[in-house]
């Protein structure tokens, strides 16, 4: 056991002495030491209940013969920081979460890890850490929040964001906005649609690192038992030598991507799955995700693309039913999971609730093609991510309306500068230029409020969030701060978006402009954001801050199925 390097032999007496102070007995030094990496926090409902779940995990570890040691890491809430400068900290926090878990686990020679996650970047960050460490690993997700009730209708945080736009254009008054605000988030749990947290929880299950019980709602009575079972699972994996790299393979990454596409998941998953692949040393990137998305329909009628919530998906049949749908489409690799079962075996256990309308059959999809597309072209030579709004819209062309920050664009929309037919370009909001790659929620809400969401396109080297209308393109690479073509666009340049050709192009002589270009001054010159800006990789490589592994082309690729 790795832990023997820290707690066995006469020279380790000082370490044992300190461990006795935290509760170790003589017999504990012969048992596996299991890290319980918690992301519990009071700053967001997504993670509010994880302290109690960690106690159940630890009980399961003890009863299965292990010694659990719990520690915590940070949380930055997207939902709370969205639309402010605080949002710059969100993607940066993913790296800090992964780094801090890695440091504690390496520093104390743990034998296995259970990571508890809730909000967006805690799910992604914990998975990155587990991929990096290559130890026996389980990721336990805290589950989705219950929908709120307003005038007899189920609502989520998405309804609050949309209500902001409705109030801005006079459809509702301030009292109605406040009523929606008060009702939307009734208790603990992550945002209720197939937003980033639930999308990444789905991916974790299909990567094999999480049990199917990830889909249980946050306050479901069965969730404490599920947490306890994760304690038994990590001990089973530790004794069997099942490490994260045996689960994270090219095939399991394809399963994870397919499950996200089938359920209409967040575009942020593109960033996070590439980052996880990089941590595991697997050559899996933008083109793989685009290829998978083009080959699948969207079957789940889940918010934000549809009308139902994550709790409804659980009631309909949950992740097992998602696995069965992929098997019916012939798109499920029979990969192993942390439970000891393969995904094919799990799919065979699916029980579909009679009459459910949440996860459609392949013969009647919500959308005929996957909603994630990867475009390249003169404006995005390294690629970008398009969330396809519907099956009919395939081409959009219009004059560029250029802004050097989300804030400038937000003000311009309010002043009526942006007009129908424009292609709104927001640059210097990428991983390095932002820094931190803020999501464009303030702008998308403003466009809704101005009645322009269906008549303009948005192109950014940052991210957009929760967009359900219009043509929205994010992750444009290279980003403006690194001299990408997006930095050279001027007002009036005609930008053309072609989904069928998978192109993002601009009609302008960018070569002539390149010699005159210089980057804007850095927004942050000290502290964590400046350090992040100086070390972060391109969004096309997952926006990680760890040096990327060198994949040897002449090495045996069999372990990862490349």
Protein backbone atom coordinates (compact mmCIF):
# COMPACT_ATOMS: atom_id res chain seq x y z
CA UNK A 1 0.00 0.00 0.00
CA UNK A 2 1.21 3.50 -0.81
CA UNK A 3 0.33 4.58 2.71
CA UNK A 4 2.99 2.27 4.14
CA UNK A 5 5.63 4.70 2.87
CA UNK A 6 4.32 7.26 5.33
CA UNK A 7 3.25 5.15 8.32
CA UNK A 8 5.43 1.99 8.50
CA UNK A 9 8.83 1.42 10.05
CA UNK A 10 10.74 2.99 12.95
CA UNK A 11 11.59 6.14 10.97
CA UNK A 12 7.89 6.91 10.52
CA UNK A 13 7.17 7.07 14.26
CA UNK A 14 6.70 10.88 14.14
CA UNK A 15 4.12 10.51 11.37
CA UNK A 16 2.30 7.78 13.30
CA UNK A 17 2.34 9.94 16.40
CA UNK A 18 0.55 12.75 14.56
CA UNK A 19 -1.92 10.34 12.96
CA UNK A 20 -2.75 8.93 16.39
CA UNK A 21 -3.77 12.47 17.36
CA UNK A 22 -6.45 12.46 14.65
CA UNK A 23 -7.82 9.09 15.80
CA UNK A 24 -5.65 6.29 14.38
CA UNK A 25 -5.35 3.09 16.40
CA UNK A 26 -2.64 0.44 16.09
CA UNK A 27 -4.73 -1.57 13.65
CA UNK A 28 -5.41 1.41 11.40
CA UNK A 29 -1.81 1.45 10.18
CA UNK A 30 -2.44 -1.90 8.48
CA UNK A 31 -5.53 -0.65 6.63
CA UNK A 32 -5.75 1.35 3.38
CA UNK A 33 -5.78 5.11 3.92
CA UNK A 34 -8.55 6.65 1.83
CA UNK A 35 -8.76 10.36 1.05
CA UNK A 36 -12.24 11.86 1.21
CA UNK A 37 -11.86 15.05 -0.81
CA UNK A 38 -14.89 17.19 -0.05
CA UNK A 39 -16.08 20.35 -1.77
CA UNK A 40 -18.59 21.19 0.94
CA UNK A 41 -19.32 24.89 1.20
CA UNK A 42 -21.96 27.30 2.41
CA UNK A 43 -21.48 29.64 -0.57
CA UNK A 44 -23.83 27.69 -2.84
CA UNK A 45 -26.77 25.28 -2.46
CA UNK A 46 -25.05 22.91 -4.89
CA UNK A 47 -22.53 21.83 -2.23
CA UNK A 48 -24.38 22.73 0.94
CA UNK A 49 -25.30 19.14 1.90
CA UNK A 50 -21.97 17.45 1.14
CA UNK A 51 -20.72 17.55 4.73
CA UNK A 52 -23.42 15.07 5.76
CA UNK A 53 -22.81 12.85 2.72
CA UNK A 54 -19.09 12.72 3.53
CA UNK A 55 -19.90 11.26 6.94
CA UNK A 56 -21.82 8.47 5.21
CA UNK A 57 -18.94 7.85 2.80
CA UNK A 58 -16.50 7.61 5.71
CA UNK A 59 -18.76 5.18 7.54
CA UNK A 60 -18.84 2.97 4.45
CA UNK A 61 -15.04 3.06 4.20
CA UNK A 62 -14.59 2.12 7.86
CA UNK A 63 -17.10 -0.74 7.65
CA UNK A 64 -15.26 -2.06 4.59
CA UNK A 65 -11.88 -2.06 6.34
CA UNK A 66 -10.39 1.28 5.35
CA UNK A 67 -9.35 4.41 7.21
CA UNK A 68 -10.95 7.58 5.83
CA UNK A 69 -9.41 11.02 6.21
CA UNK A 70 -11.47 13.97 5.04
CA UNK A 71 -10.22 17.31 3.77
CA UNK A 72 -11.86 20.18 1.91
CA UNK A 73 -11.15 22.33 -1.12
CA UNK A 74 -12.59 25.49 -2.65
CA UNK A 75 -15.84 26.37 -4.43
CA UNK A 76 -16.69 29.25 -6.78
CA UNK A 77 -20.36 29.33 -7.75
CA UNK A 78 -21.08 30.10 -11.40
CA UNK A 79 -24.71 30.89 -10.66
CA UNK A 80 -23.81 33.51 -8.07
CA UNK A 81 -20.76 35.06 -9.76
CA UNK A 82 -22.27 35.06 -13.28
CA UNK A 83 -22.31 38.44 -14.99
CA UNK A 84 -19.73 39.96 -12.63
CA UNK A 85 -15.95 40.16 -12.45
CA UNK A 86 -16.19 37.34 -9.92
CA UNK A 87 -16.98 34.99 -12.79
CA UNK A 88 -13.33 35.25 -13.83
CA UNK A 89 -12.55 33.06 -10.83
CA UNK A 90 -14.81 30.21 -11.91
CA UNK A 91 -12.73 28.33 -14.47
CA UNK A 92 -9.57 29.18 -12.53
CA UNK A 93 -11.09 27.43 -9.52
CA UNK A 94 -11.26 24.17 -11.49
CA UNK A 95 -7.47 24.09 -11.61
CA UNK A 96 -7.14 24.99 -7.93
CA UNK A 97 -9.55 22.21 -6.98
CA UNK A 98 -7.57 19.66 -9.01
CA UNK A 99 -4.23 20.96 -7.73
CA UNK A 100 -5.26 20.99 -4.09
CA UNK A 101 -6.62 17.43 -4.18
CA UNK A 102 -3.48 16.25 -5.95
CA UNK A 103 -1.24 17.93 -3.38
CA UNK A 104 -3.02 16.53 -0.32
CA UNK A 105 -3.19 13.01 -1.76
CA UNK A 106 0.43 12.98 -2.88
CA UNK A 107 1.65 14.62 0.31
CA UNK A 108 0.08 11.95 2.50
CA UNK A 109 0.49 8.83 0.33
CA UNK A 110 -3.17 7.88 0.22
CA UNK A 111 -4.18 4.54 -1.26
CA UNK A 112 -7.45 5.70 -2.83
CA UNK A 113 -9.69 8.74 -3.22
CA UNK A 114 -13.39 9.50 -2.94
CA UNK A 115 -14.15 13.02 -4.21
CA UNK A 116 -17.47 14.72 -3.44
CA UNK A 117 -18.69 17.38 -5.85
CA UNK A 118 -21.71 19.58 -6.40
CA UNK A 119 -21.44 22.75 -8.49
CA UNK A 120 -19.98 23.04 -11.99
CA UNK A 121 -16.26 23.39 -11.47
CA UNK A 122 -16.15 21.08 -8.48
CA UNK A 123 -17.43 18.22 -10.65
CA UNK A 124 -14.88 18.97 -13.37
CA UNK A 125 -12.04 19.74 -10.97
CA UNK A 126 -12.47 16.58 -8.93
CA UNK A 127 -12.54 14.46 -12.11
CA UNK A 128 -9.36 16.17 -13.33
CA UNK A 129 -7.66 15.38 -10.05
CA UNK A 130 -8.70 11.73 -10.17
CA UNK A 131 -7.47 11.44 -13.75
CA UNK A 132 -4.15 13.04 -12.79
CA UNK A 133 -3.54 10.86 -9.73
CA UNK A 134 -4.31 7.45 -11.33
CA UNK A 135 -5.34 5.89 -8.03
CA UNK A 136 -8.42 3.84 -7.13
CA UNK A 137 -11.04 6.58 -7.37
CA UNK A 138 -14.74 7.32 -6.99
CA UNK A 139 -16.48 10.63 -7.69
CA UNK A 140 -19.71 11.12 -5.73
CA UNK A 141 -21.97 13.86 -7.05
CA UNK A 142 -24.28 15.63 -4.63
CA UNK A 143 -27.29 15.55 -6.95
CA UNK A 144 -29.75 17.98 -8.45
CA UNK A 145 -31.85 20.53 -6.60
CA UNK A 146 -35.60 20.05 -6.59
CA UNK A 147 -37.49 22.44 -8.87
CA UNK A 148 -39.27 25.34 -7.24
CA UNK A 149 -42.96 26.02 -7.70
CA UNK A 150 -44.33 29.31 -9.01
CA UNK A 151 -48.01 29.66 -9.94
CA UNK A 152 -48.27 25.87 -10.07
CA UNK A 153 -45.36 25.45 -12.48
CA UNK A 154 -41.97 23.85 -11.82
CA UNK A 155 -39.16 26.40 -12.23
CA UNK A 156 -35.37 26.35 -12.01
CA UNK A 157 -32.58 28.92 -11.84
CA UNK A 158 -32.88 29.19 -15.64
CA UNK A 159 -36.32 30.73 -15.15
CA UNK A 160 -34.81 33.37 -12.88
CA UNK A 161 -32.22 34.34 -15.48
CA UNK A 162 -34.91 34.47 -18.15
CA UNK A 163 -37.17 36.48 -15.85
CA UNK A 164 -34.46 39.14 -15.65
CA UNK A 165 -34.76 39.57 -19.41
CA UNK A 166 -38.56 39.53 -19.27
CA UNK A 167 -38.59 42.21 -16.57
CA UNK A 168 -36.17 44.33 -18.62
CA UNK A 169 -38.54 44.40 -21.59
CA UNK A 170 -41.65 44.98 -19.46
CA UNK A 171 -43.29 41.56 -19.72
CA UNK A 172 -43.34 41.18 -15.93
CA UNK A 173 -42.96 43.66 -13.09
CA UNK A 174 -40.45 43.73 -10.25
CA UNK A 175 -42.81 41.94 -7.87
CA UNK A 176 -43.13 38.99 -10.25
CA UNK A 177 -39.36 38.83 -10.70
CA UNK A 178 -38.93 38.73 -6.92
CA UNK A 179 -41.54 35.97 -6.58
CA UNK A 180 -39.69 33.85 -9.16
CA UNK A 181 -36.39 34.60 -7.42
CA UNK A 182 -37.78 33.44 -4.08
CA UNK A 183 -39.27 30.22 -5.43
CA UNK A 184 -36.69 28.84 -7.86
CA UNK A 185 -34.11 27.31 -5.46
CA UNK A 186 -35.97 25.64 -2.58
CA UNK A 187 -33.11 23.69 -0.94
CA UNK A 188 -29.71 22.03 -1.45
CA UNK A 189 -28.57 20.64 -4.78
CA UNK A 190 -27.11 21.68 -8.13
CA UNK A 191 -29.02 23.61 -10.80
CA UNK A 192 -31.88 21.44 -11.97
CA UNK A 193 -31.53 21.38 -15.75
CA UNK A 194 -28.92 19.65 -17.90
CA UNK A 195 -26.55 22.51 -17.20
CA UNK A 196 -22.84 22.01 -16.55
CA UNK A 197 -23.04 20.26 -13.16
CA UNK A 198 -25.61 17.67 -14.19
CA UNK A 199 -23.94 17.28 -17.59
CA UNK A 200 -20.59 16.53 -15.96
CA UNK A 201 -22.23 14.20 -13.45
CA UNK A 202 -23.64 12.32 -16.44
CA UNK A 203 -20.18 12.22 -18.01
CA UNK A 204 -18.65 10.88 -14.77
CA UNK A 205 -21.05 7.93 -14.75
CA UNK A 206 -20.25 7.03 -18.35
CA UNK A 207 -16.52 7.45 -17.74
CA UNK A 208 -17.00 4.73 -15.12
CA UNK A 209 -15.83 6.82 -12.15
CA UNK A 210 -19.26 7.26 -10.56
CA UNK A 211 -22.11 4.89 -9.77
CA UNK A 212 -25.53 5.22 -11.38
CA UNK A 213 -26.77 6.74 -8.12
CA UNK A 214 -25.15 10.01 -9.22
CA UNK A 215 -28.55 10.71 -10.76
CA UNK A 216 -30.40 10.66 -7.44
CA UNK A 217 -31.80 14.09 -6.49
CA UNK A 218 -29.81 15.87 -3.78
CA UNK A 219 -32.31 15.30 -1.00
CA UNK A 220 -33.62 11.91 -2.11
CA UNK A 221 -33.97 9.61 0.93
CA UNK A 222 -31.80 7.04 -0.88
CA UNK A 223 -28.84 9.41 -1.26
CA UNK A 224 -27.26 8.79 2.21
CA UNK A 225 -27.23 5.06 1.47
CA UNK A 226 -25.69 5.75 -1.93
CA UNK A 227 -22.94 7.76 -0.24
CA UNK A 228 -22.31 4.89 2.18
CA UNK A 229 -22.04 2.50 -0.77
CA UNK A 230 -19.35 4.69 -2.31
CA UNK A 231 -17.25 3.90 0.74
CA UNK A 232 -17.57 0.21 -0.05
CA UNK A 233 -16.85 0.84 -3.75
CA UNK A 234 -13.56 2.61 -3.09
CA UNK A 235 -12.42 -0.23 -0.85
CA UNK A 236 -13.35 -2.76 -3.53
CA UNK A 237 -11.36 -0.77 -6.11
CA UNK A 238 -8.39 -0.33 -3.76
CA UNK A 239 -8.13 -4.02 -2.98
CA UNK A 240 -8.61 -4.91 -6.63
CA UNK A 241 -6.06 -2.38 -7.87
CA UNK A 242 -8.61 -0.67 -10.15
CA UNK A 243 -7.20 2.78 -10.86
CA UNK A 244 -8.68 5.77 -12.68
CA UNK A 245 -6.64 5.22 -15.85
CA UNK A 246 -8.17 1.77 -16.23
CA UNK A 247 -11.57 3.46 -16.40
CA UNK A 248 -10.72 6.66 -18.29
CA UNK A 249 -10.02 5.40 -21.82
CA UNK A 250 -10.79 6.64 -25.31
CA UNK A 251 -13.86 4.40 -25.35
CA UNK A 252 -15.16 5.68 -22.00
CA UNK A 253 -14.56 9.28 -23.12
CA UNK A 254 -16.65 8.51 -26.20
CA UNK A 255 -19.37 7.04 -23.97
CA UNK A 256 -19.30 10.15 -21.78
CA UNK A 257 -19.54 12.46 -24.79
CA UNK A 258 -22.37 10.42 -26.30
CA UNK A 259 -24.35 10.51 -23.05
CA UNK A 260 -23.95 14.28 -22.82
CA UNK A 261 -25.09 14.74 -26.44
CA UNK A 262 -28.04 12.38 -26.01
CA UNK A 263 -29.20 14.40 -22.98
CA UNK A 264 -28.61 17.86 -24.50
CA UNK A 265 -25.82 18.74 -22.08
CA UNK A 266 -23.75 21.89 -21.60
CA UNK A 267 -21.13 23.16 -24.06
CA UNK A 268 -18.79 23.48 -21.07
CA UNK A 269 -18.44 19.70 -21.15
CA UNK A 270 -16.25 20.16 -24.24
CA UNK A 271 -13.65 22.03 -22.18
CA UNK A 272 -13.84 19.65 -19.26
CA UNK A 273 -13.71 16.33 -21.13
CA UNK A 274 -10.69 17.51 -23.11
CA UNK A 275 -9.02 18.58 -19.86
CA UNK A 276 -9.74 15.16 -18.27
CA UNK A 277 -8.38 13.41 -21.35
CA UNK A 278 -5.20 15.50 -21.17
CA UNK A 279 -4.74 14.62 -17.50
CA UNK A 280 -5.03 10.93 -18.37
CA UNK A 281 -2.68 11.25 -21.35
CA UNK A 282 -5.32 10.40 -23.96
CA UNK A 283 -5.41 12.06 -27.38
CA UNK A 284 -9.09 13.08 -27.40
CA UNK A 285 -10.18 16.52 -28.54
CA UNK A 286 -12.52 18.84 -30.38
CA UNK A 287 -12.86 16.79 -33.54
CA UNK A 288 -13.74 13.66 -31.57
CA UNK A 289 -16.52 15.50 -29.76
CA UNK A 290 -17.85 17.01 -32.98
CA UNK A 291 -17.81 13.64 -34.73
CA UNK A 292 -19.75 11.97 -31.92
CA UNK A 293 -22.30 14.78 -31.72
CA UNK A 294 -22.97 14.71 -35.47
CA UNK A 295 -23.71 11.00 -35.30
CA UNK A 296 -26.32 11.14 -32.54
CA UNK A 297 -29.72 12.73 -31.89
CA UNK A 298 -30.77 14.63 -28.77
CA UNK A 299 -33.34 12.43 -27.03
CA UNK A 300 -33.73 14.08 -23.62
CA UNK A 301 -36.36 16.81 -23.31
CA UNK A 302 -34.37 18.52 -20.56
CA UNK A 303 -33.79 22.18 -19.77
CA UNK A 304 -32.29 24.31 -21.25
CA UNK A 305 -33.06 22.72 -24.66
CA UNK A 306 -36.33 21.21 -23.43
CA UNK A 307 -38.83 21.42 -20.62
CA UNK A 308 -38.02 18.84 -17.93
CA UNK A 309 -35.50 18.74 -15.05
CA UNK A 310 -32.86 16.28 -13.88
CA UNK A 311 -35.27 14.95 -11.25
CA UNK A 312 -37.67 14.06 -14.06
CA UNK A 313 -34.92 12.13 -15.85
CA UNK A 314 -34.27 10.14 -12.68
CA UNK A 315 -37.96 9.32 -12.37
CA UNK A 316 -38.14 8.31 -16.04
CA UNK A 317 -35.41 5.70 -15.67
CA UNK A 318 -32.24 7.63 -14.98
CA UNK A 319 -28.77 7.00 -16.33
CA UNK A 320 -29.49 3.32 -16.88
CA UNK A 321 -32.12 4.32 -19.41
CA UNK A 322 -29.64 6.70 -21.07
CA UNK A 323 -27.24 3.74 -21.38
CA UNK A 324 -29.99 1.62 -22.89
CA UNK A 325 -30.81 4.31 -25.46
CA UNK A 326 -27.14 4.47 -26.49
CA UNK A 327 -27.13 0.67 -26.78
CA UNK A 328 -30.27 0.81 -28.93
CA UNK A 329 -28.44 3.24 -31.21
CA UNK A 330 -25.42 0.96 -31.32
CA UNK A 331 -23.28 3.64 -29.70
CA UNK A 332 -22.43 2.19 -26.28
CA UNK A 333 -18.94 0.82 -25.73
CA UNK A 334 -18.93 -2.03 -23.22
CA UNK A 335 -16.52 -0.35 -20.82
CA UNK A 336 -15.90 -1.21 -17.13
CA UNK A 337 -17.19 0.91 -14.26
CA UNK A 338 -16.27 1.44 -10.66
CA UNK A 339 -19.12 -0.86 -9.57
CA UNK A 340 -17.55 -3.91 -11.26
CA UNK A 341 -20.30 -4.02 -13.89
CA UNK A 342 -19.84 -2.99 -17.49
CA UNK A 343 -22.01 -0.32 -19.08
CA UNK A 344 -23.72 -2.93 -21.24
CA UNK A 345 -24.72 -4.87 -18.14
CA UNK A 346 -26.00 -1.67 -16.58
CA UNK A 347 -28.01 -0.81 -19.70
CA UNK A 348 -29.70 -4.20 -19.53
CA UNK A 349 -30.92 -3.38 -16.01
CA UNK A 350 -32.75 -0.22 -17.09
CA UNK A 351 -36.39 0.10 -16.06
CA UNK A 352 -38.29 2.64 -18.12
CA UNK A 353 -41.22 4.29 -16.37
CA UNK A 354 -44.37 3.65 -18.36
CA UNK A 355 -45.56 6.74 -20.22
CA UNK A 356 -42.45 8.82 -19.47
CA UNK A 357 -41.83 11.71 -21.86
CA UNK A 358 -38.40 12.86 -20.68
CA UNK A 359 -36.07 10.54 -22.60
CA UNK A 360 -37.55 9.91 -26.01
CA UNK A 361 -37.09 6.86 -28.22
CA UNK A 362 -34.60 7.08 -31.12
CA UNK A 363 -37.54 7.13 -33.55
CA UNK A 364 -38.86 10.45 -32.21
CA UNK A 365 -35.88 12.58 -31.09
CA UNK A 366 -36.07 16.09 -29.67
CA UNK A 367 -33.44 17.06 -32.29
CA UNK A 368 -32.33 14.91 -35.20
CA UNK A 369 -28.67 15.82 -34.74
CA UNK A 370 -26.48 16.45 -31.74
CA UNK A 371 -26.47 20.03 -30.49
CA UNK A 372 -22.67 20.43 -30.23
CA UNK A 373 -20.72 21.28 -33.36
CA UNK A 374 -17.07 22.11 -33.89
CA UNK A 375 -16.38 24.79 -36.49
CA UNK A 376 -13.11 25.87 -38.05
CA UNK A 377 -12.26 28.52 -40.60
CA UNK A 378 -10.46 31.80 -41.08
CA UNK A 379 -11.89 33.13 -37.80
CA UNK A 380 -11.22 29.97 -35.77
CA UNK A 381 -8.32 28.00 -37.24
CA UNK A 382 -7.92 25.94 -34.04
CA UNK A 383 -11.66 25.45 -33.65
CA UNK A 384 -14.65 26.74 -31.73
CA UNK A 385 -17.86 25.33 -30.25
CA UNK A 386 -21.35 26.00 -31.57
CA UNK A 387 -24.49 25.06 -29.69
CA UNK A 388 -26.93 24.36 -32.54
CA UNK A 389 -30.22 26.15 -31.76
CA UNK A 390 -32.51 23.94 -33.86
CA UNK A 391 -32.60 21.53 -36.79
CA UNK A 392 -33.50 24.16 -39.37
CA UNK A 393 -31.03 27.03 -38.92
CA UNK A 394 -27.86 26.16 -40.85
CA UNK A 395 -26.34 29.46 -42.08
CA UNK A 396 -26.03 32.92 -40.57
CA UNK A 397 -24.10 35.82 -42.12
CA UNK A 398 -23.94 39.44 -41.07
CA UNK A 399 -21.77 42.44 -40.22
CA UNK A 400 -19.54 42.21 -37.17
CA UNK A 401 -20.28 44.37 -34.15
CA UNK A 402 -17.06 44.15 -32.15
CA UNK A 403 -16.51 44.56 -28.39
CA UNK A 404 -13.38 44.05 -26.32
CA UNK A 405 -15.24 42.85 -23.22
CA UNK A 406 -18.55 41.41 -22.11
CA UNK A 407 -19.23 44.61 -20.16
CA UNK A 408 -18.83 46.82 -23.24
CA UNK A 409 -21.23 44.62 -25.18
CA UNK A 410 -23.77 44.58 -22.35
CA UNK A 411 -23.85 48.36 -22.29
CA UNK A 412 -24.12 48.57 -26.09
CA UNK A 413 -27.10 46.25 -26.18
CA UNK A 414 -28.85 48.41 -23.62
CA UNK A 415 -28.11 51.53 -25.68
CA UNK A 416 -29.54 49.99 -28.86
CA UNK A 417 -26.21 49.76 -30.69
CA UNK A 418 -26.69 46.08 -31.61
CA UNK A 419 -29.21 45.53 -34.40
CA UNK A 420 -30.98 42.52 -35.87
CA UNK A 421 -28.72 40.73 -38.35
CA UNK A 422 -25.48 41.62 -36.54
CA UNK A 423 -22.83 39.13 -35.58
CA UNK A 424 -21.82 40.25 -32.09
CA UNK A 425 -18.12 39.60 -31.45
CA UNK A 426 -16.91 39.63 -27.85
CA UNK A 427 -13.16 39.15 -27.53
CA UNK A 428 -10.41 39.30 -24.89
CA UNK A 429 -12.60 37.06 -22.72
CA UNK A 430 -10.68 33.83 -23.35
CA UNK A 431 -8.74 31.81 -20.76
CA UNK A 432 -5.72 34.15 -20.91
CA UNK A 433 -7.36 37.40 -21.99
CA UNK A 434 -10.28 37.32 -19.55
CA UNK A 435 -8.54 36.00 -17.68
CA UNK A 436 -10.72 33.04 -16.72
CA UNK A 437 -13.07 32.78 -19.70
CA UNK A 438 -16.24 34.29 -18.24
CA UNK A 439 -19.56 32.98 -19.50
CA UNK A 440 -21.65 35.45 -21.50
CA UNK A 441 -24.84 35.22 -19.47
CA UNK A 442 -25.21 38.97 -18.91
CA UNK A 443 -25.06 39.54 -22.66
CA UNK A 444 -27.38 36.69 -23.63
CA UNK A 445 -29.91 37.91 -21.05
CA UNK A 446 -29.58 41.45 -22.41
CA UNK A 447 -30.18 40.19 -25.97
CA UNK A 448 -33.30 38.40 -24.77
CA UNK A 449 -34.42 41.59 -23.06
CA UNK A 450 -33.89 43.58 -26.26
CA UNK A 451 -35.84 41.03 -28.31
CA UNK A 452 -32.73 40.16 -30.37
CA UNK A 453 -31.96 36.62 -29.25
CA UNK A 454 -33.30 35.03 -32.45
CA UNK A 455 -31.98 37.64 -34.87
CA UNK A 456 -28.29 38.03 -34.00
CA UNK A 457 -25.36 35.65 -33.71
CA UNK A 458 -22.75 35.80 -30.95
CA UNK A 459 -19.09 34.85 -31.41
CA UNK A 460 -16.67 34.93 -28.48
CA UNK A 461 -13.33 33.58 -27.33
CA UNK A 462 -15.02 33.27 -23.93
CA UNK A 463 -18.01 31.10 -23.09
CA UNK A 464 -21.75 31.55 -23.29
CA UNK A 465 -24.20 30.04 -20.82
CA UNK A 466 -27.66 28.55 -20.99
CA UNK A 467 -28.37 29.85 -24.49
CA UNK A 468 -31.59 28.42 -25.90
CA UNK A 469 -32.08 30.78 -28.84
CA UNK A 470 -30.00 32.17 -31.66
CA UNK A 471 -26.62 31.07 -32.94
CA UNK A 472 -24.04 31.20 -30.16
CA UNK A 473 -20.38 30.32 -30.72
CA UNK A 474 -17.82 30.15 -27.92
CA UNK A 475 -14.26 28.93 -27.28
CA UNK A 476 -12.95 30.61 -30.47
CA UNK A 477 -9.25 29.72 -30.74
CA UNK A 478 -6.65 31.09 -30.89
CA UNK A 479 -8.08 33.70 -28.54
CA UNK A 480 -7.63 37.44 -29.04
CA UNK A 481 -5.00 37.82 -26.30
CA UNK A 482 -2.82 35.32 -28.15
CA UNK A 483 -3.18 37.11 -31.48
CA UNK A 484 -5.90 34.93 -32.95
CA UNK A 485 -7.89 36.17 -35.97
CA UNK A 486 -10.73 37.26 -33.67
CA UNK A 487 -8.40 40.05 -32.45
CA UNK A 488 -8.25 41.49 -35.98
CA UNK A 489 -11.98 41.76 -36.71
CA UNK A 490 -13.42 45.25 -37.26
CA UNK A 491 -16.97 46.58 -37.20
CA UNK A 492 -18.68 45.83 -40.48
CA UNK A 493 -16.59 42.81 -41.50
CA UNK A 494 -18.97 40.16 -42.78
CA UNK A 495 -18.85 36.98 -40.71
CA UNK A 496 -20.37 33.77 -42.07
CA UNK A 497 -21.40 30.79 -39.93
CA UNK A 498 -22.12 27.61 -41.89
CA UNK A 499 -23.17 24.59 -39.84
CA UNK A 500 -23.31 22.11 -42.71
CA UNK A 501 -19.81 23.03 -43.88
CA UNK A 502 -18.63 23.41 -40.27
CA UNK A 503 -17.08 26.79 -41.03
CA UNK A 504 -16.63 30.11 -39.26
CA UNK A 505 -15.17 32.66 -41.67
CA UNK A 506 -14.71 36.39 -42.03
CA UNK A 507 -14.54 38.34 -45.27
CA UNK A 508 -11.50 40.54 -44.53
CA UNK A 509 -7.77 40.70 -45.26
CA UNK A 510 -6.55 39.71 -41.82
CA UNK A 511 -2.95 39.26 -42.94
CA UNK A 512 -2.58 42.98 -43.62
CA UNK A 513 -3.93 43.81 -40.17
CA UNK A 514 -1.73 41.35 -38.28
CA UNK A 515 1.40 43.54 -38.54
CA UNK A 516 -0.43 46.45 -36.88
CA UNK A 517 -1.90 44.42 -34.03
CA UNK A 518 -0.78 44.51 -30.41
CA UNK A 519 -2.63 42.92 -27.48
CA UNK A 520 -4.60 44.92 -24.99
CA UNK A 521 -2.92 45.46 -21.61
CA UNK A 522 -3.43 42.56 -19.22
CA UNK A 523 -6.46 43.02 -16.99
CA UNK A 524 -4.70 41.37 -14.05
CA UNK A 525 -1.03 41.89 -13.27
CA UNK A 526 -0.72 40.14 -9.92
CA UNK A 527 -2.27 37.33 -7.94
CA UNK A 528 -3.88 34.09 -9.00
CA UNK A 529 -5.60 35.46 -12.12
CA UNK A 530 -2.32 36.84 -13.50
CA UNK A 531 -0.58 33.54 -12.82
CA UNK A 532 -3.42 31.67 -14.52
CA UNK A 533 -3.26 33.95 -17.57
CA UNK A 534 0.45 33.30 -17.90
CA UNK A 535 0.21 29.50 -17.72
CA UNK A 536 -3.18 28.46 -19.15
CA UNK A 537 -3.40 26.42 -22.34
CA UNK A 538 -5.77 27.15 -25.21
CA UNK A 539 -9.46 26.35 -24.82
CA UNK A 540 -8.98 23.83 -27.63
CA UNK A 541 -6.69 21.94 -25.23
CA UNK A 542 -9.10 22.16 -22.30
CA UNK A 543 -7.73 25.40 -20.75
CA UNK A 544 -5.61 23.45 -18.27
CA UNK A 545 -2.62 24.86 -16.43
CA UNK A 546 -0.71 21.59 -16.13
CA UNK A 547 1.93 20.90 -18.78
CA UNK A 548 0.27 18.71 -21.39
CA UNK A 549 1.55 15.11 -21.51
CA UNK A 550 3.68 14.23 -24.50
CA UNK A 551 1.89 11.48 -26.43
CA UNK A 552 4.51 9.34 -28.15
CA UNK A 553 3.28 8.40 -31.63
CA UNK A 554 5.46 5.29 -31.76
CA UNK A 555 4.37 3.99 -28.36
CA UNK A 556 1.79 1.23 -27.94
CA UNK A 557 -1.61 3.02 -27.91
CA UNK A 558 -3.58 -0.06 -26.85
CA UNK A 559 -4.24 0.96 -23.19
CA UNK A 560 -6.22 4.00 -24.32
CA UNK A 561 -7.72 2.56 -27.50
CA UNK A 562 -6.38 5.37 -29.69
